[in-house]
Amino acid sequence: EEGCQATPDDIKAFLKEKQSQKGELSDAELDSVAGGCNENEAIVSVATFGVFCATAALASAIMDDMKGDDGRILCDV
């Protein structure tokens, strides 16, 4: 349907060969692993989370007079 020339048997043979190989993954294989993160994504994630935390802290300080649910001052030293 999609123009692939491989038969189901070709695909099974390819997957069995890959499964039987031992050793370390190449850099390209590691980059394609689900859940990975490149350097740019890491920087954006840290910056975004930092801005969110700073905004939440400011909002908490302004809205709640810096007090927790039980009335204690959160920044008490």
N, C-alpha and C. Protein backbone atom coordinates (compact mmCIF):
# COMPACT_ATOMS: atom_id res chain seq x y z
N GLU A 1 0.81 -1.20 0.00
CA GLU A 1 0.00 0.00 0.00
C GLU A 1 0.85 1.26 0.00
N GLU A 2 1.90 1.27 0.81
CA GLU A 2 2.73 2.47 0.98
C GLU A 2 3.97 2.44 0.09
N GLY A 3 4.04 1.47 -0.81
CA GLY A 3 5.17 1.41 -1.72
C GLY A 3 6.39 0.69 -1.16
N CYS A 4 6.23 0.00 -0.06
CA CYS A 4 7.34 -0.74 0.54
C CYS A 4 7.52 -2.06 -0.21
N GLN A 5 8.75 -2.37 -0.54
CA GLN A 5 9.02 -3.59 -1.30
C GLN A 5 9.26 -4.81 -0.41
N ALA A 6 9.28 -4.63 0.89
CA ALA A 6 9.56 -5.73 1.81
C ALA A 6 8.31 -6.57 2.02
N THR A 7 8.51 -7.85 2.12
CA THR A 7 7.41 -8.76 2.42
C THR A 7 7.35 -8.95 3.94
N PRO A 8 6.25 -9.47 4.43
CA PRO A 8 6.19 -9.75 5.88
C PRO A 8 7.33 -10.66 6.35
N ASP A 9 7.72 -11.61 5.52
CA ASP A 9 8.84 -12.49 5.89
C ASP A 9 10.16 -11.72 5.94
N ASP A 10 10.35 -10.77 5.02
CA ASP A 10 11.55 -9.93 5.04
C ASP A 10 11.62 -9.14 6.34
N ILE A 11 10.50 -8.60 6.75
CA ILE A 11 10.45 -7.79 7.97
C ILE A 11 10.73 -8.66 9.19
N LYS A 12 10.14 -9.84 9.25
CA LYS A 12 10.39 -10.75 10.38
C LYS A 12 11.87 -11.11 10.46
N ALA A 13 12.48 -11.41 9.31
CA ALA A 13 13.90 -11.77 9.29
C ALA A 13 14.76 -10.59 9.76
N PHE A 14 14.44 -9.39 9.30
CA PHE A 14 15.18 -8.19 9.71
C PHE A 14 15.08 -7.99 11.22
N LEU A 15 13.87 -8.09 11.76
CA LEU A 15 13.69 -7.89 13.20
C LEU A 15 14.39 -8.96 14.02
N LYS A 16 14.36 -10.22 13.57
CA LYS A 16 15.06 -11.29 14.29
C LYS A 16 16.57 -11.04 14.28
N GLU A 17 17.09 -10.57 13.16
CA GLU A 17 18.52 -10.27 13.07
C GLU A 17 18.89 -9.15 14.04
N LYS A 18 18.10 -8.09 14.07
CA LYS A 18 18.35 -6.98 14.99
C LYS A 18 18.27 -7.43 16.44
N GLN A 19 17.30 -8.31 16.73
CA GLN A 19 17.11 -8.78 18.10
C GLN A 19 18.29 -9.64 18.57
N SER A 20 18.89 -10.37 17.66
CA SER A 20 19.98 -11.27 18.04
C SER A 20 21.32 -10.55 18.16
N GLN A 21 21.43 -9.34 17.65
CA GLN A 21 22.69 -8.60 17.73
C GLN A 21 22.94 -8.17 19.16
N LYS A 22 24.19 -8.25 19.55
CA LYS A 22 24.59 -7.82 20.88
C LYS A 22 25.58 -6.69 20.76
N GLY A 23 25.73 -5.95 21.84
CA GLY A 23 26.68 -4.86 21.83
C GLY A 23 26.00 -3.56 22.20
N GLU A 24 26.75 -2.50 22.06
CA GLU A 24 26.24 -1.19 22.43
C GLU A 24 25.45 -0.58 21.28
N LEU A 25 24.53 0.31 21.64
CA LEU A 25 23.77 1.03 20.64
C LEU A 25 24.62 2.14 20.04
N SER A 26 24.38 2.41 18.77
CA SER A 26 25.08 3.52 18.13
C SER A 26 24.48 4.84 18.62
N ASP A 27 25.17 5.94 18.36
CA ASP A 27 24.65 7.25 18.74
C ASP A 27 23.31 7.52 18.05
N ALA A 28 23.19 7.12 16.80
CA ALA A 28 21.93 7.33 16.06
C ALA A 28 20.80 6.53 16.71
N GLU A 29 21.09 5.30 17.13
CA GLU A 29 20.06 4.48 17.78
C GLU A 29 19.67 5.07 19.13
N LEU A 30 20.65 5.58 19.88
CA LEU A 30 20.35 6.20 21.17
C LEU A 30 19.51 7.46 21.00
N ASP A 31 19.78 8.24 19.94
CA ASP A 31 19.02 9.46 19.69
C ASP A 31 17.56 9.17 19.37
N SER A 32 17.29 7.98 18.84
CA SER A 32 15.92 7.66 18.45
C SER A 32 15.12 6.97 19.56
N VAL A 33 15.73 6.77 20.70
CA VAL A 33 15.04 6.11 21.81
C VAL A 33 13.98 7.05 22.37
N ALA A 34 12.79 6.52 22.60
CA ALA A 34 11.70 7.34 23.14
C ALA A 34 12.07 7.86 24.52
N GLY A 35 11.70 9.09 24.79
CA GLY A 35 11.96 9.68 26.09
C GLY A 35 13.30 10.38 26.18
N GLY A 36 14.05 10.35 25.10
CA GLY A 36 15.34 11.02 25.11
C GLY A 36 15.17 12.53 25.10
N CYS A 37 16.24 13.22 25.33
CA CYS A 37 16.19 14.69 25.38
C CYS A 37 17.51 15.23 24.86
N ASN A 38 17.43 16.13 23.89
CA ASN A 38 18.68 16.72 23.42
C ASN A 38 19.01 17.97 24.22
N GLU A 39 20.15 18.55 23.96
CA GLU A 39 20.65 19.68 24.75
C GLU A 39 19.70 20.88 24.69
N ASN A 40 19.19 21.19 23.51
CA ASN A 40 18.28 22.32 23.37
C ASN A 40 17.00 22.11 24.16
N GLU A 41 16.43 20.90 24.10
CA GLU A 41 15.21 20.60 24.85
C GLU A 41 15.46 20.73 26.35
N ALA A 42 16.62 20.31 26.81
CA ALA A 42 16.95 20.39 28.23
C ALA A 42 17.03 21.85 28.68
N ILE A 43 17.67 22.69 27.89
CA ILE A 43 17.80 24.11 28.24
C ILE A 43 16.44 24.78 28.28
N VAL A 44 15.62 24.52 27.28
CA VAL A 44 14.28 25.12 27.24
C VAL A 44 13.44 24.62 28.41
N SER A 45 13.54 23.34 28.75
CA SER A 45 12.77 22.79 29.87
C SER A 45 13.17 23.44 31.19
N VAL A 46 14.46 23.57 31.42
CA VAL A 46 14.94 24.17 32.67
C VAL A 46 14.52 25.63 32.75
N ALA A 47 14.68 26.36 31.65
CA ALA A 47 14.31 27.78 31.63
C ALA A 47 12.81 27.95 31.84
N THR A 48 12.01 27.14 31.18
CA THR A 48 10.55 27.23 31.31
C THR A 48 10.12 26.91 32.73
N PHE A 49 10.69 25.87 33.30
CA PHE A 49 10.34 25.49 34.67
C PHE A 49 10.77 26.58 35.65
N GLY A 50 11.93 27.17 35.41
CA GLY A 50 12.42 28.25 36.28
C GLY A 50 11.50 29.46 36.25
N VAL A 51 11.06 29.84 35.06
CA VAL A 51 10.14 30.97 34.93
C VAL A 51 8.82 30.65 35.62
N PHE A 52 8.32 29.43 35.44
CA PHE A 52 7.08 29.02 36.09
C PHE A 52 7.21 29.10 37.62
N CYS A 53 8.31 28.59 38.15
CA CYS A 53 8.52 28.60 39.60
C CYS A 53 8.63 30.03 40.14
N ALA A 54 9.34 30.88 39.42
CA ALA A 54 9.48 32.27 39.86
C ALA A 54 8.13 32.98 39.84
N THR A 55 7.34 32.74 38.82
CA THR A 55 6.01 33.33 38.72
C THR A 55 5.10 32.84 39.83
N ALA A 56 5.14 31.54 40.10
CA ALA A 56 4.32 30.97 41.17
C ALA A 56 4.73 31.54 42.53
N ALA A 57 6.03 31.71 42.74
CA ALA A 57 6.51 32.26 44.01
C ALA A 57 6.06 33.70 44.19
N LEU A 58 6.16 34.48 43.12
CA LEU A 58 5.72 35.88 43.20
C LEU A 58 4.21 35.96 43.44
N ALA A 59 3.46 35.15 42.73
CA ALA A 59 2.00 35.15 42.91
C ALA A 59 1.64 34.74 44.33
N SER A 60 2.33 33.76 44.86
CA SER A 60 2.07 33.30 46.22
C SER A 60 2.38 34.41 47.23
N ALA A 61 3.50 35.09 47.00
CA ALA A 61 3.89 36.15 47.92
C ALA A 61 2.90 37.31 47.89
N ILE A 62 2.43 37.65 46.71
CA ILE A 62 1.50 38.79 46.57
C ILE A 62 0.10 38.41 47.05
N MET A 63 -0.39 37.27 46.65
CA MET A 63 -1.77 36.89 46.93
C MET A 63 -1.98 36.41 48.37
N ASP A 64 -1.01 35.72 48.92
CA ASP A 64 -1.20 35.10 50.23
C ASP A 64 -0.44 35.79 51.35
N ASP A 65 0.13 36.92 51.10
CA ASP A 65 0.95 37.61 52.09
C ASP A 65 2.04 36.70 52.65
N MET A 66 2.57 35.81 51.78
CA MET A 66 3.67 34.90 52.12
C MET A 66 3.33 33.98 53.29
N LYS A 67 2.09 33.56 53.41
CA LYS A 67 1.70 32.64 54.49
C LYS A 67 1.24 31.33 53.89
N GLY A 68 1.53 30.25 54.57
CA GLY A 68 1.07 28.93 54.14
C GLY A 68 -0.36 28.70 54.57
N ASP A 69 -0.87 27.53 54.32
CA ASP A 69 -2.25 27.19 54.68
C ASP A 69 -2.48 27.25 56.18
N ASP A 70 -1.45 26.95 56.95
CA ASP A 70 -1.63 26.93 58.41
C ASP A 70 -1.26 28.26 59.06
N GLY A 71 -1.01 29.30 58.26
CA GLY A 71 -0.74 30.62 58.78
C GLY A 71 0.72 30.92 59.05
N ARG A 72 1.61 29.93 58.88
CA ARG A 72 3.04 30.20 59.09
C ARG A 72 3.60 30.98 57.93
N ILE A 73 4.57 31.81 58.19
CA ILE A 73 5.25 32.54 57.12
C ILE A 73 6.18 31.57 56.42
N LEU A 74 6.06 31.50 55.09
CA LEU A 74 6.84 30.51 54.33
C LEU A 74 8.33 30.84 54.31
N CYS A 75 8.68 32.10 54.34
CA CYS A 75 10.09 32.51 54.26
C CYS A 75 10.67 32.76 55.63
N ASP A 76 10.11 32.17 56.66
CA ASP A 76 10.57 32.36 58.02
C ASP A 76 11.99 31.82 58.17
N VAL A 77 12.89 32.63 58.69
CA VAL A 77 14.29 32.22 58.84
C VAL A 77 14.60 31.94 60.28
